[in-house]
Amino acid sequence: MKTLPQIRSDWTFKEISLIYNQPLLSLIYDASKIHRKFHDPNEVQVCTLLSIKTGGCPEDCSYCPQAARYNTDVRIHNLLSIEDVVEAARHAKSSGSTRFCMGAAWREVKNNKDFDDVLEMIRQVSSLGLEVCGTLGMATEEQLRKMKNAGLYAYNHNIDSSEEFYGDIISTRKYDERIKTLKNTQNVNLTVCSGGIIGMGESSDDRIKMLLTLAKMEKHPESVPINALVSVEGTPLENQKPVTTWEMVRMIATARIIMPESMIRLSAGRTEMSQEGQALCFLSGANSIFSGDKLLTTPNPSVSEDEKLFAELGLFPRSPHKHKKYDTSTLS
């Protein structure tokens, strides 16, 4: 059995900066080696993200078309019915997804009938054998515990960027409030899903600091989504220049090296990437994607496109609720 590198929570900015800024091919090589020591390199977690409540959000996140204050083409709808959500989960499972994520355009979870309905959605979707993830805004320990008891597997709450840049894109919520929800999630022993977005006008140092925030958590997030900004007309960031594939690869590879056990998710922005670019992300340590035509309200490759890509690369979906560490005994 090969000795695995130590999982660390004492990373420094300088250390991560040296990793991030090294020659790209060297970075990819190092990340790929780490990836193969902790994960099956041909296994990818396939997730589906459904917007269960869309638009009308009171927050001012500059990247988000669901903010009520921006004039976008997003059609507002109230909470979907329990039946519609469960049917969508069944369809996701039949299409190969093993994790079903439910997102609501709320600032925070409130103790009302909508929350009661969400708890029932969690119960019924969990009974299908899927990992259930929620992304519903800020939540208290009590609310997260109720969701866990209903069958929730993970809670997503992205930190978006560095603490220093955060105020440039959001004013209606503090960075510390995001961190508090992550701590609440860990306190009730739910797995954490947390990452961020690149391409919002932040510097390379901001990207490194975002990764540092996650890597310094005593227990690293189980899932780390790396999103490329999808510019939407009507939002303050509508004219942002798209990030390059190289920028995504550099982020994914760095995240893989400093958080070896985490699932690194190649998230928003895949529609702008070639199949070759996505393959390079998988080689660099990405082992999770969102499948389906939409990520909440933004475009995403179709299920058939992903099936073709998986077949071409020899990839297969990760099974749900998989906790066993990858067997490295046959690695050289």
C-alpha atoms as a PDB file:
ATOM      1  CA  MET A   1       0.000   0.000   0.000  1.00  0.00           C
ATOM      2  CA  LYS A   2       1.402   3.361  -1.022  1.00  0.00           C
ATOM      3  CA  THR A   3       1.674   6.084   1.605  1.00  0.00           C
ATOM      4  CA  LEU A   4      -0.727   8.915   0.833  1.00  0.00           C
ATOM      5  CA  PRO A   5       0.302  12.559   1.213  1.00  0.00           C
ATOM      6  CA  GLN A   6      -0.811  14.170   4.460  1.00  0.00           C
ATOM      7  CA  ILE A   7      -4.129  16.021   4.421  1.00  0.00           C
ATOM      8  CA  ARG A   8      -3.333  19.541   5.601  1.00  0.00           C
ATOM      9  CA  SER A   9      -5.324  22.459   6.967  1.00  0.00           C
ATOM     10  CA  ASP A  10      -2.322  24.684   7.654  1.00  0.00           C
ATOM     11  CA  TRP A  11      -1.676  25.901   4.123  1.00  0.00           C
ATOM     12  CA  THR A  12      -0.260  29.392   3.637  1.00  0.00           C
ATOM     13  CA  PHE A  13      -0.929  31.868   0.849  1.00  0.00           C
ATOM     14  CA  LYS A  14       2.703  31.621  -0.246  1.00  0.00           C
ATOM     15  CA  GLU A  15       2.568  27.833  -0.532  1.00  0.00           C
ATOM     16  CA  ILE A  16      -0.606  27.824  -2.604  1.00  0.00           C
ATOM     17  CA  SER A  17       0.676  30.695  -4.730  1.00  0.00           C
ATOM     18  CA  LEU A  18       3.787  28.705  -5.632  1.00  0.00           C
ATOM     19  CA  ILE A  19       1.595  25.754  -6.635  1.00  0.00           C
ATOM     20  CA  TYR A  20      -0.864  27.893  -8.610  1.00  0.00           C
ATOM     21  CA  ASN A  21       1.776  29.917 -10.484  1.00  0.00           C
ATOM     22  CA  GLN A  22       4.097  27.100 -11.528  1.00  0.00           C
ATOM     23  CA  PRO A  23       4.350  26.175 -15.240  1.00  0.00           C
ATOM     24  CA  LEU A  24       0.950  24.816 -16.273  1.00  0.00           C
ATOM     25  CA  LEU A  25       2.095  21.421 -17.543  1.00  0.00           C
ATOM     26  CA  SER A  26       4.040  20.799 -14.340  1.00  0.00           C
ATOM     27  CA  LEU A  27       0.953  21.785 -12.336  1.00  0.00           C
ATOM     28  CA  ILE A  28      -1.236  19.395 -14.328  1.00  0.00           C
ATOM     29  CA  TYR A  29       1.276  16.571 -13.863  1.00  0.00           C
ATOM     30  CA  ASP A  30       1.488  17.078 -10.087  1.00  0.00           C
ATOM     31  CA  ALA A  31      -2.288  17.336  -9.738  1.00  0.00           C
ATOM     32  CA  SER A  32      -2.875  14.223 -11.832  1.00  0.00           C
ATOM     33  CA  LYS A  33      -0.528  12.206  -9.609  1.00  0.00           C
ATOM     34  CA  ILE A  34      -2.341  13.355  -6.470  1.00  0.00           C
ATOM     35  CA  HIS A  35      -5.703  12.661  -8.086  1.00  0.00           C
ATOM     36  CA  ARG A  36      -4.752   9.067  -8.914  1.00  0.00           C
ATOM     37  CA  LYS A  37      -3.570   8.434  -5.370  1.00  0.00           C
ATOM     38  CA  PHE A  38      -6.889   9.455  -3.807  1.00  0.00           C
ATOM     39  CA  HIS A  39      -9.483   8.712  -6.491  1.00  0.00           C
ATOM     40  CA  ASP A  40     -10.276   6.393  -9.353  1.00  0.00           C
ATOM     41  CA  PRO A  41      -9.210   8.587 -12.308  1.00  0.00           C
ATOM     42  CA  ASN A  42     -11.947   7.178 -14.535  1.00  0.00           C
ATOM     43  CA  GLU A  43     -14.791   7.782 -12.077  1.00  0.00           C
ATOM     44  CA  VAL A  44     -16.834  10.993 -12.148  1.00  0.00           C
ATOM     45  CA  GLN A  45     -19.673  12.006  -9.855  1.00  0.00           C
ATOM     46  CA  VAL A  46     -22.684  13.020 -11.972  1.00  0.00           C
ATOM     47  CA  CYS A  47     -24.989  15.550 -10.304  1.00  0.00           C
ATOM     48  CA  THR A  48     -28.230  17.222 -11.319  1.00  0.00           C
ATOM     49  CA  LEU A  49     -29.119  20.710 -10.091  1.00  0.00           C
ATOM     50  CA  LEU A  50     -32.777  21.750 -10.085  1.00  0.00           C
ATOM     51  CA  SER A  51     -34.069  25.239  -9.323  1.00  0.00           C
ATOM     52  CA  ILE A  52     -36.999  24.505  -7.015  1.00  0.00           C
ATOM     53  CA  LYS A  53     -37.724  28.221  -6.492  1.00  0.00           C
ATOM     54  CA  THR A  54     -36.545  30.684  -9.133  1.00  0.00           C
ATOM     55  CA  GLY A  55     -35.956  34.441  -9.154  1.00  0.00           C
ATOM     56  CA  GLY A  56     -37.085  37.260  -6.904  1.00  0.00           C
ATOM     57  CA  CYS A  57     -34.061  36.996  -4.623  1.00  0.00           C
ATOM     58  CA  PRO A  58     -33.516  40.092  -2.411  1.00  0.00           C
ATOM     59  CA  GLU A  59     -29.720  39.865  -2.564  1.00  0.00           C
ATOM     60  CA  ASP A  60     -27.479  41.801  -4.957  1.00  0.00           C
ATOM     61  CA  CYS A  61     -24.929  39.176  -6.071  1.00  0.00           C
ATOM     62  CA  SER A  62     -23.532  40.833  -9.200  1.00  0.00           C
ATOM     63  CA  TYR A  63     -23.271  37.576 -11.135  1.00  0.00           C
ATOM     64  CA  CYS A  64     -26.781  36.292 -10.457  1.00  0.00           C
ATOM     65  CA  PRO A  65     -29.731  36.699 -12.850  1.00  0.00           C
ATOM     66  CA  GLN A  66     -32.127  35.686 -10.060  1.00  0.00           C
ATOM     67  CA  ALA A  67     -31.625  38.897  -8.085  1.00  0.00           C
ATOM     68  CA  ALA A  68     -34.913  40.821  -8.062  1.00  0.00           C
ATOM     69  CA  ARG A  69     -33.158  44.154  -8.606  1.00  0.00           C
ATOM     70  CA  TYR A  70     -31.716  43.150 -12.016  1.00  0.00           C
ATOM     71  CA  ASN A  71     -33.660  43.189 -15.265  1.00  0.00           C
ATOM     72  CA  THR A  72     -32.990  39.745 -16.750  1.00  0.00           C
ATOM     73  CA  ASP A  73     -34.987  37.204 -18.705  1.00  0.00           C
ATOM     74  CA  VAL A  74     -35.360  34.883 -15.716  1.00  0.00           C
ATOM     75  CA  ARG A  75     -38.977  33.906 -15.163  1.00  0.00           C
ATOM     76  CA  ILE A  76     -39.918  33.975 -11.506  1.00  0.00           C
ATOM     77  CA  HIS A  77     -41.691  30.935 -10.088  1.00  0.00           C
ATOM     78  CA  ASN A  78     -42.585  30.015  -6.539  1.00  0.00           C
ATOM     79  CA  LEU A  79     -41.601  26.749  -4.909  1.00  0.00           C
ATOM     80  CA  LEU A  80     -42.251  23.765  -7.164  1.00  0.00           C
ATOM     81  CA  SER A  81     -44.639  21.080  -5.992  1.00  0.00           C
ATOM     82  CA  ILE A  82     -43.272  18.076  -4.144  1.00  0.00           C
ATOM     83  CA  GLU A  83     -44.532  15.839  -6.961  1.00  0.00           C
ATOM     84  CA  ASP A  84     -42.708  17.829  -9.656  1.00  0.00           C
ATOM     85  CA  VAL A  85     -39.433  17.773  -7.743  1.00  0.00           C
ATOM     86  CA  VAL A  86     -39.605  14.029  -7.091  1.00  0.00           C
ATOM     87  CA  GLU A  87     -40.410  13.380 -10.748  1.00  0.00           C
ATOM     88  CA  ALA A  88     -37.392  15.472 -11.761  1.00  0.00           C
ATOM     89  CA  ALA A  89     -35.249  13.431  -9.366  1.00  0.00           C
ATOM     90  CA  ARG A  90     -36.497  10.174 -10.892  1.00  0.00           C
ATOM     91  CA  HIS A  91     -35.613  11.495 -14.344  1.00  0.00           C
ATOM     92  CA  ALA A  92     -32.164  12.559 -13.141  1.00  0.00           C
ATOM     93  CA  LYS A  93     -31.513   9.113 -11.691  1.00  0.00           C
ATOM     94  CA  SER A  94     -32.603   7.391 -14.905  1.00  0.00           C
ATOM     95  CA  SER A  95     -30.234   9.696 -16.812  1.00  0.00           C
ATOM     96  CA  GLY A  96     -27.262   8.591 -14.719  1.00  0.00           C
ATOM     97  CA  SER A  97     -27.096  11.152 -11.914  1.00  0.00           C
ATOM     98  CA  THR A  98     -26.307   9.965  -8.416  1.00  0.00           C
ATOM     99  CA  ARG A  99     -26.581  13.303  -6.615  1.00  0.00           C
ATOM    100  CA  PHE A 100     -29.643  15.541  -6.817  1.00  0.00           C
ATOM    101  CA  CYS A 101     -29.186  19.164  -5.783  1.00  0.00           C
ATOM    102  CA  MET A 102     -32.135  21.413  -5.001  1.00  0.00           C
ATOM    103  CA  GLY A 103     -31.587  25.158  -5.220  1.00  0.00           C
ATOM    104  CA  ALA A 104     -33.897  27.942  -4.067  1.00  0.00           C
ATOM    105  CA  ALA A 105     -33.395  31.666  -4.677  1.00  0.00           C
ATOM    106  CA  TRP A 106     -33.685  32.536  -1.009  1.00  0.00           C
ATOM    107  CA  ARG A 107     -31.446  34.727   1.118  1.00  0.00           C
ATOM    108  CA  GLU A 108     -31.955  32.329   3.990  1.00  0.00           C
ATOM    109  CA  VAL A 109     -34.060  29.376   5.046  1.00  0.00           C
ATOM    110  CA  LYS A 110     -37.194  30.397   6.942  1.00  0.00           C
ATOM    111  CA  ASN A 111     -39.290  28.204   9.213  1.00  0.00           C
ATOM    112  CA  ASN A 112     -42.499  28.178   7.198  1.00  0.00           C
ATOM    113  CA  LYS A 113     -44.615  25.947   4.958  1.00  0.00           C
ATOM    114  CA  ASP A 114     -42.101  26.183   2.124  1.00  0.00           C
ATOM    115  CA  PHE A 115     -39.432  24.758   4.422  1.00  0.00           C
ATOM    116  CA  ASP A 116     -41.806  21.968   5.488  1.00  0.00           C
ATOM    117  CA  ASP A 117     -42.316  21.153   1.805  1.00  0.00           C
ATOM    118  CA  VAL A 118     -38.566  21.124   1.208  1.00  0.00           C
ATOM    119  CA  LEU A 119     -38.155  18.647   4.071  1.00  0.00           C
ATOM    120  CA  GLU A 120     -40.706  16.373   2.392  1.00  0.00           C
ATOM    121  CA  MET A 121     -38.894  16.746  -0.935  1.00  0.00           C
ATOM    122  CA  ILE A 122     -35.688  15.663   0.781  1.00  0.00           C
ATOM    123  CA  ARG A 123     -37.392  12.624   2.315  1.00  0.00           C
ATOM    124  CA  GLN A 124     -38.867  11.446  -0.965  1.00  0.00           C
ATOM    125  CA  VAL A 125     -35.797  12.121  -3.128  1.00  0.00           C
ATOM    126  CA  SER A 126     -33.539  10.441  -0.579  1.00  0.00           C
ATOM    127  CA  SER A 127     -35.808   7.369  -0.685  1.00  0.00           C
ATOM    128  CA  LEU A 128     -34.893   6.996  -4.374  1.00  0.00           C
ATOM    129  CA  GLY A 129     -31.314   6.198  -3.360  1.00  0.00           C
ATOM    130  CA  LEU A 130     -29.880   9.506  -4.519  1.00  0.00           C
ATOM    131  CA  GLU A 131     -27.536  11.709  -2.536  1.00  0.00           C
ATOM    132  CA  VAL A 132     -29.583  14.815  -1.768  1.00  0.00           C
ATOM    133  CA  CYS A 133     -27.947  18.236  -1.653  1.00  0.00           C
ATOM    134  CA  GLY A 134     -29.566  21.550  -0.785  1.00  0.00           C
ATOM    135  CA  THR A 135     -28.509  25.077  -1.684  1.00  0.00           C
ATOM    136  CA  LEU A 136     -31.070  27.309  -0.042  1.00  0.00           C
ATOM    137  CA  GLY A 137     -29.095  30.236   1.358  1.00  0.00           C
ATOM    138  CA  MET A 138     -28.068  30.814   4.943  1.00  0.00           C
ATOM    139  CA  ALA A 139     -29.258  28.198   7.421  1.00  0.00           C
ATOM    140  CA  THR A 140     -29.083  27.640  11.164  1.00  0.00           C
ATOM    141  CA  GLU A 141     -27.848  24.489  12.873  1.00  0.00           C
ATOM    142  CA  GLU A 142     -31.423  23.619  13.819  1.00  0.00           C
ATOM    143  CA  GLN A 143     -32.641  23.926  10.225  1.00  0.00           C
ATOM    144  CA  LEU A 144     -29.706  21.935   8.878  1.00  0.00           C
ATOM    145  CA  ARG A 145     -30.304  19.233  11.486  1.00  0.00           C
ATOM    146  CA  LYS A 146     -33.930  18.963  10.395  1.00  0.00           C
ATOM    147  CA  MET A 147     -32.805  18.598   6.782  1.00  0.00           C
ATOM    148  CA  LYS A 148     -30.253  15.982   7.754  1.00  0.00           C
ATOM    149  CA  ASN A 149     -32.874  14.012   9.674  1.00  0.00           C
ATOM    150  CA  ALA A 150     -35.071  14.141   6.571  1.00  0.00           C
ATOM    151  CA  GLY A 151     -32.286  12.569   4.515  1.00  0.00           C
ATOM    152  CA  LEU A 152     -30.123  15.460   3.291  1.00  0.00           C
ATOM    153  CA  TYR A 153     -26.604  14.328   2.428  1.00  0.00           C
ATOM    154  CA  ALA A 154     -24.846  17.612   1.643  1.00  0.00           C
ATOM    155  CA  TYR A 155     -25.378  21.353   1.841  1.00  0.00           C
ATOM    156  CA  ASN A 156     -23.955  23.775  -0.703  1.00  0.00           C
ATOM    157  CA  HIS A 157     -22.994  27.299   0.257  1.00  0.00           C
ATOM    158  CA  ASN A 158     -20.321  28.804  -1.987  1.00  0.00           C
ATOM    159  CA  ILE A 159     -17.912  31.417  -0.653  1.00  0.00           C
ATOM    160  CA  ASP A 160     -17.727  32.817  -4.214  1.00  0.00           C
ATOM    161  CA  SER A 161     -14.324  34.536  -4.000  1.00  0.00           C
ATOM    162  CA  SER A 162     -11.743  35.870  -1.568  1.00  0.00           C
ATOM    163  CA  GLU A 163     -12.873  37.810   1.474  1.00  0.00           C
ATOM    164  CA  GLU A 164     -11.101  40.887   0.104  1.00  0.00           C
ATOM    165  CA  PHE A 165     -12.918  40.817  -3.265  1.00  0.00           C
ATOM    166  CA  TYR A 166     -16.257  39.668  -1.897  1.00  0.00           C
ATOM    167  CA  GLY A 167     -17.496  43.183  -1.137  1.00  0.00           C
ATOM    168  CA  ASP A 168     -17.005  44.156  -4.792  1.00  0.00           C
ATOM    169  CA  ILE A 169     -19.662  41.678  -5.926  1.00  0.00           C
ATOM    170  CA  ILE A 170     -22.066  41.382  -2.963  1.00  0.00           C
ATOM    171  CA  SER A 171     -23.177  43.944  -0.372  1.00  0.00           C
ATOM    172  CA  THR A 172     -26.301  42.313   1.063  1.00  0.00           C
ATOM    173  CA  ARG A 173     -24.486  39.507   2.881  1.00  0.00           C
ATOM    174  CA  LYS A 174     -21.190  39.417   4.742  1.00  0.00           C
ATOM    175  CA  TYR A 175     -18.415  36.939   4.027  1.00  0.00           C
ATOM    176  CA  ASP A 176     -18.509  35.845   7.660  1.00  0.00           C
ATOM    177  CA  GLU A 177     -22.170  34.916   7.239  1.00  0.00           C
ATOM    178  CA  ARG A 178     -21.229  32.478   4.495  1.00  0.00           C
ATOM    179  CA  ILE A 179     -18.519  30.965   6.699  1.00  0.00           C
ATOM    180  CA  LYS A 180     -21.030  30.676   9.571  1.00  0.00           C
ATOM    181  CA  THR A 181     -23.392  28.583   7.441  1.00  0.00           C
ATOM    182  CA  LEU A 182     -20.502  26.290   6.488  1.00  0.00           C
ATOM    183  CA  LYS A 183     -19.625  25.856  10.167  1.00  0.00           C
ATOM    184  CA  ASN A 184     -23.276  25.145  10.978  1.00  0.00           C
ATOM    185  CA  THR A 185     -23.284  22.495   8.272  1.00  0.00           C
ATOM    186  CA  GLN A 186     -20.205  20.772   9.660  1.00  0.00           C
ATOM    187  CA  ASN A 187     -21.508  21.028  13.224  1.00  0.00           C
ATOM    188  CA  VAL A 188     -24.479  18.804  12.364  1.00  0.00           C
ATOM    189  CA  ASN A 189     -22.224  16.363  10.450  1.00  0.00           C
ATOM    190  CA  LEU A 190     -23.556  17.122   6.996  1.00  0.00           C
ATOM    191  CA  THR A 191     -21.040  17.078   4.168  1.00  0.00           C
ATOM    192  CA  VAL A 192     -20.082  20.517   2.878  1.00  0.00           C
ATOM    193  CA  CYS A 193     -20.164  21.604  -0.747  1.00  0.00           C
ATOM    194  CA  SER A 194     -18.434  24.953  -1.205  1.00  0.00           C
ATOM    195  CA  GLY A 195     -16.435  26.598  -3.944  1.00  0.00           C
ATOM    196  CA  GLY A 196     -16.493  29.745  -5.985  1.00  0.00           C
ATOM    197  CA  ILE A 197     -16.609  31.576  -9.282  1.00  0.00           C
ATOM    198  CA  ILE A 198     -13.759  32.872 -11.423  1.00  0.00           C
ATOM    199  CA  GLY A 199     -14.048  35.513 -14.110  1.00  0.00           C
ATOM    200  CA  MET A 200     -15.803  38.213 -12.062  1.00  0.00           C
ATOM    201  CA  GLY A 201     -12.907  40.671 -12.313  1.00  0.00           C
ATOM    202  CA  GLU A 202     -10.930  39.221  -9.420  1.00  0.00           C
ATOM    203  CA  SER A 203      -7.129  38.895  -9.431  1.00  0.00           C
ATOM    204  CA  SER A 204      -5.122  35.681  -9.381  1.00  0.00           C
ATOM    205  CA  ASP A 205      -4.367  36.411  -5.730  1.00  0.00           C
ATOM    206  CA  ASP A 206      -8.110  36.516  -5.025  1.00  0.00           C
ATOM    207  CA  ARG A 207      -8.498  33.092  -6.596  1.00  0.00           C
ATOM    208  CA  ILE A 208      -5.663  31.731  -4.490  1.00  0.00           C
ATOM    209  CA  LYS A 209      -7.132  33.262  -1.323  1.00  0.00           C
ATOM    210  CA  MET A 210     -10.510  31.690  -2.075  1.00  0.00           C
ATOM    211  CA  LEU A 211      -8.879  28.265  -2.293  1.00  0.00           C
ATOM    212  CA  LEU A 212      -6.878  29.032   0.853  1.00  0.00           C
ATOM    213  CA  THR A 213     -10.084  29.755   2.806  1.00  0.00           C
ATOM    214  CA  LEU A 214     -11.437  26.314   1.887  1.00  0.00           C
ATOM    215  CA  ALA A 215      -8.140  24.465   2.365  1.00  0.00           C
ATOM    216  CA  LYS A 216      -7.662  25.933   5.857  1.00  0.00           C
ATOM    217  CA  MET A 217     -10.967  24.493   7.058  1.00  0.00           C
ATOM    218  CA  GLU A 218     -10.223  21.834   9.673  1.00  0.00           C
ATOM    219  CA  LYS A 219     -12.210  19.423   7.518  1.00  0.00           C
ATOM    220  CA  HIS A 220     -12.032  20.246   3.836  1.00  0.00           C
ATOM    221  CA  PRO A 221     -15.328  20.538   1.939  1.00  0.00           C
ATOM    222  CA  GLU A 222     -16.389  17.178   0.568  1.00  0.00           C
ATOM    223  CA  SER A 223     -17.205  18.898  -2.733  1.00  0.00           C
ATOM    224  CA  VAL A 224     -15.524  21.970  -4.221  1.00  0.00           C
ATOM    225  CA  PRO A 225     -17.317  23.416  -7.273  1.00  0.00           C
ATOM    226  CA  ILE A 226     -15.153  25.547  -9.556  1.00  0.00           C
ATOM    227  CA  ASN A 227     -17.426  27.784 -11.637  1.00  0.00           C
ATOM    228  CA  ALA A 228     -16.575  30.014 -14.577  1.00  0.00           C
ATOM    229  CA  LEU A 229     -18.774  33.096 -14.695  1.00  0.00           C
ATOM    230  CA  VAL A 230     -21.630  32.819 -17.161  1.00  0.00           C
ATOM    231  CA  SER A 231     -22.312  36.462 -18.022  1.00  0.00           C
ATOM    232  CA  VAL A 232     -26.016  37.234 -18.140  1.00  0.00           C
ATOM    233  CA  GLU A 233     -27.471  40.343 -19.778  1.00  0.00           C
ATOM    234  CA  GLY A 234     -28.996  42.637 -17.207  1.00  0.00           C
ATOM    235  CA  THR A 235     -26.549  41.807 -14.404  1.00  0.00           C
ATOM    236  CA  PRO A 236     -23.646  44.100 -13.403  1.00  0.00           C
ATOM    237  CA  LEU A 237     -21.180  41.527 -14.789  1.00  0.00           C
ATOM    238  CA  GLU A 238     -22.849  41.164 -18.193  1.00  0.00           C
ATOM    239  CA  ASN A 239     -19.769  42.466 -20.042  1.00  0.00           C
ATOM    240  CA  GLN A 240     -17.139  40.389 -18.274  1.00  0.00           C
ATOM    241  CA  LYS A 241     -14.690  38.619 -20.580  1.00  0.00           C
ATOM    242  CA  PRO A 242     -15.028  34.800 -20.422  1.00  0.00           C
ATOM    243  CA  VAL A 243     -12.275  32.903 -18.628  1.00  0.00           C
ATOM    244  CA  THR A 244     -10.025  30.604 -20.627  1.00  0.00           C
ATOM    245  CA  THR A 245      -9.771  26.852 -20.338  1.00  0.00           C
ATOM    246  CA  TRP A 246      -6.252  27.346 -18.997  1.00  0.00           C
ATOM    247  CA  GLU A 247      -7.587  29.415 -16.106  1.00  0.00           C
ATOM    248  CA  MET A 248     -10.101  26.697 -15.207  1.00  0.00           C
ATOM    249  CA  VAL A 249      -7.418  24.012 -15.422  1.00  0.00           C
ATOM    250  CA  ARG A 250      -5.103  26.009 -13.173  1.00  0.00           C
ATOM    251  CA  MET A 251      -7.833  26.409 -10.537  1.00  0.00           C
ATOM    252  CA  ILE A 252      -8.889  22.763 -10.653  1.00  0.00           C
ATOM    253  CA  ALA A 253      -5.341  21.440 -10.484  1.00  0.00           C
ATOM    254  CA  THR A 254      -4.451  23.678  -7.552  1.00  0.00           C
ATOM    255  CA  ALA A 255      -7.627  22.698  -5.689  1.00  0.00           C
ATOM    256  CA  ARG A 256      -6.843  19.027  -6.272  1.00  0.00           C
ATOM    257  CA  ILE A 257      -3.341  19.310  -4.830  1.00  0.00           C
ATOM    258  CA  ILE A 258      -4.313  21.193  -1.674  1.00  0.00           C
ATOM    259  CA  MET A 259      -7.580  19.312  -1.021  1.00  0.00           C
ATOM    260  CA  PRO A 260      -6.733  15.774  -2.194  1.00  0.00           C
ATOM    261  CA  GLU A 261      -9.783  13.956  -0.825  1.00  0.00           C
ATOM    262  CA  SER A 262     -12.403  16.456  -1.997  1.00  0.00           C
ATOM    263  CA  MET A 263     -14.572  16.017  -5.051  1.00  0.00           C
ATOM    264  CA  ILE A 264     -13.522  18.845  -7.376  1.00  0.00           C
ATOM    265  CA  ARG A 265     -16.503  19.782  -9.517  1.00  0.00           C
ATOM    266  CA  LEU A 266     -16.160  21.219 -12.997  1.00  0.00           C
ATOM    267  CA  SER A 267     -19.292  23.337 -12.755  1.00  0.00           C
ATOM    268  CA  ALA A 268     -20.699  26.387 -14.566  1.00  0.00           C
ATOM    269  CA  GLY A 269     -19.092  27.393 -17.835  1.00  0.00           C
ATOM    270  CA  ARG A 270     -18.746  23.980 -19.458  1.00  0.00           C
ATOM    271  CA  THR A 271     -20.797  25.078 -22.470  1.00  0.00           C
ATOM    272  CA  GLU A 272     -17.939  27.426 -23.382  1.00  0.00           C
ATOM    273  CA  MET A 273     -15.353  24.639 -23.193  1.00  0.00           C
ATOM    274  CA  SER A 274     -14.385  22.134 -25.859  1.00  0.00           C
ATOM    275  CA  GLN A 275     -14.455  18.421 -25.108  1.00  0.00           C
ATOM    276  CA  GLU A 276     -10.671  18.505 -25.155  1.00  0.00           C
ATOM    277  CA  GLY A 277     -10.709  21.304 -22.581  1.00  0.00           C
ATOM    278  CA  GLN A 278     -13.013  19.338 -20.316  1.00  0.00           C
ATOM    279  CA  ALA A 279     -10.811  16.267 -20.702  1.00  0.00           C
ATOM    280  CA  LEU A 280      -7.836  18.334 -19.550  1.00  0.00           C
ATOM    281  CA  CYS A 281      -9.843  19.354 -16.467  1.00  0.00           C
ATOM    282  CA  PHE A 282     -10.537  15.693 -15.672  1.00  0.00           C
ATOM    283  CA  LEU A 283      -6.844  14.910 -16.093  1.00  0.00           C
ATOM    284  CA  SER A 284      -6.051  17.777 -13.710  1.00  0.00           C
ATOM    285  CA  GLY A 285      -8.254  16.430 -10.927  1.00  0.00           C
ATOM    286  CA  ALA A 286     -11.885  17.272 -11.665  1.00  0.00           C
ATOM    287  CA  ASN A 287     -14.083  14.302 -10.807  1.00  0.00           C
ATOM    288  CA  SER A 288     -17.569  15.746 -10.577  1.00  0.00           C
ATOM    289  CA  ILE A 289     -19.896  17.533 -13.007  1.00  0.00           C
ATOM    290  CA  PHE A 290     -23.435  18.801 -13.230  1.00  0.00           C
ATOM    291  CA  SER A 291     -25.483  17.024 -15.877  1.00  0.00           C
ATOM    292  CA  GLY A 292     -28.587  18.368 -17.581  1.00  0.00           C
ATOM    293  CA  ASP A 293     -29.494  21.283 -19.819  1.00  0.00           C
ATOM    294  CA  LYS A 294     -29.480  23.931 -17.067  1.00  0.00           C
ATOM    295  CA  LEU A 295     -27.670  24.900 -13.877  1.00  0.00           C
ATOM    296  CA  LEU A 296     -30.454  26.740 -12.089  1.00  0.00           C
ATOM    297  CA  THR A 297     -30.941  29.335 -14.859  1.00  0.00           C
ATOM    298  CA  THR A 298     -27.740  29.117 -16.939  1.00  0.00           C
ATOM    299  CA  PRO A 299     -26.964  26.739 -19.842  1.00  0.00           C
ATOM    300  CA  ASN A 300     -25.174  23.409 -19.397  1.00  0.00           C
ATOM    301  CA  PRO A 301     -24.217  20.585 -21.796  1.00  0.00           C
ATOM    302  CA  SER A 302     -27.003  18.092 -22.471  1.00  0.00           C
ATOM    303  CA  VAL A 303     -27.081  14.603 -20.986  1.00  0.00           C
ATOM    304  CA  SER A 304     -26.439  13.086 -24.431  1.00  0.00           C
ATOM    305  CA  GLU A 305     -23.371  15.294 -24.928  1.00  0.00           C
ATOM    306  CA  ASP A 306     -21.966  14.154 -21.589  1.00  0.00           C
ATOM    307  CA  GLU A 307     -22.694  10.507 -22.367  1.00  0.00           C
ATOM    308  CA  LYS A 308     -20.704  10.827 -25.599  1.00  0.00           C
ATOM    309  CA  LEU A 309     -17.851  12.534 -23.767  1.00  0.00           C
ATOM    310  CA  PHE A 310     -17.777   9.853 -21.060  1.00  0.00           C
ATOM    311  CA  ALA A 311     -17.756   7.105 -23.684  1.00  0.00           C
ATOM    312  CA  GLU A 312     -14.922   8.782 -25.584  1.00  0.00           C
ATOM    313  CA  LEU A 313     -12.804   9.214 -22.446  1.00  0.00           C
ATOM    314  CA  GLY A 314     -13.709   5.893 -20.804  1.00  0.00           C
ATOM    315  CA  LEU A 315     -15.276   7.573 -17.780  1.00  0.00           C
ATOM    316  CA  PHE A 316     -18.089   6.143 -15.659  1.00  0.00           C
ATOM    317  CA  PRO A 317     -20.408   7.612 -12.987  1.00  0.00           C
ATOM    318  CA  ARG A 318     -19.488   7.339  -9.324  1.00  0.00           C
ATOM    319  CA  SER A 319     -22.011   5.391  -7.274  1.00  0.00           C
ATOM    320  CA  PRO A 320     -24.036   7.304  -4.637  1.00  0.00           C
ATOM    321  CA  HIS A 321     -23.099   7.321  -0.940  1.00  0.00           C
ATOM    322  CA  LYS A 322     -19.611   6.068  -1.693  1.00  0.00           C
ATOM    323  CA  HIS A 323     -17.452   6.552   1.381  1.00  0.00           C
ATOM    324  CA  LYS A 324     -14.694   3.968   0.915  1.00  0.00           C
ATOM    325  CA  LYS A 325     -11.322   5.452   0.056  1.00  0.00           C
ATOM    326  CA  TYR A 326      -9.796   4.540  -3.275  1.00  0.00           C
ATOM    327  CA  ASP A 327      -7.535   1.464  -3.158  1.00  0.00           C
ATOM    328  CA  THR A 328      -4.058   2.654  -4.091  1.00  0.00           C
ATOM    329  CA  SER A 329      -2.318  -0.709  -3.599  1.00  0.00           C
ATOM    330  CA  THR A 330      -1.824  -1.249  -7.329  1.00  0.00           C
ATOM    331  CA  LEU A 331      -0.446   2.226  -8.055  1.00  0.00           C
ATOM    332  CA  SER A 332       3.182   2.597  -8.999  1.00  0.00           C
END
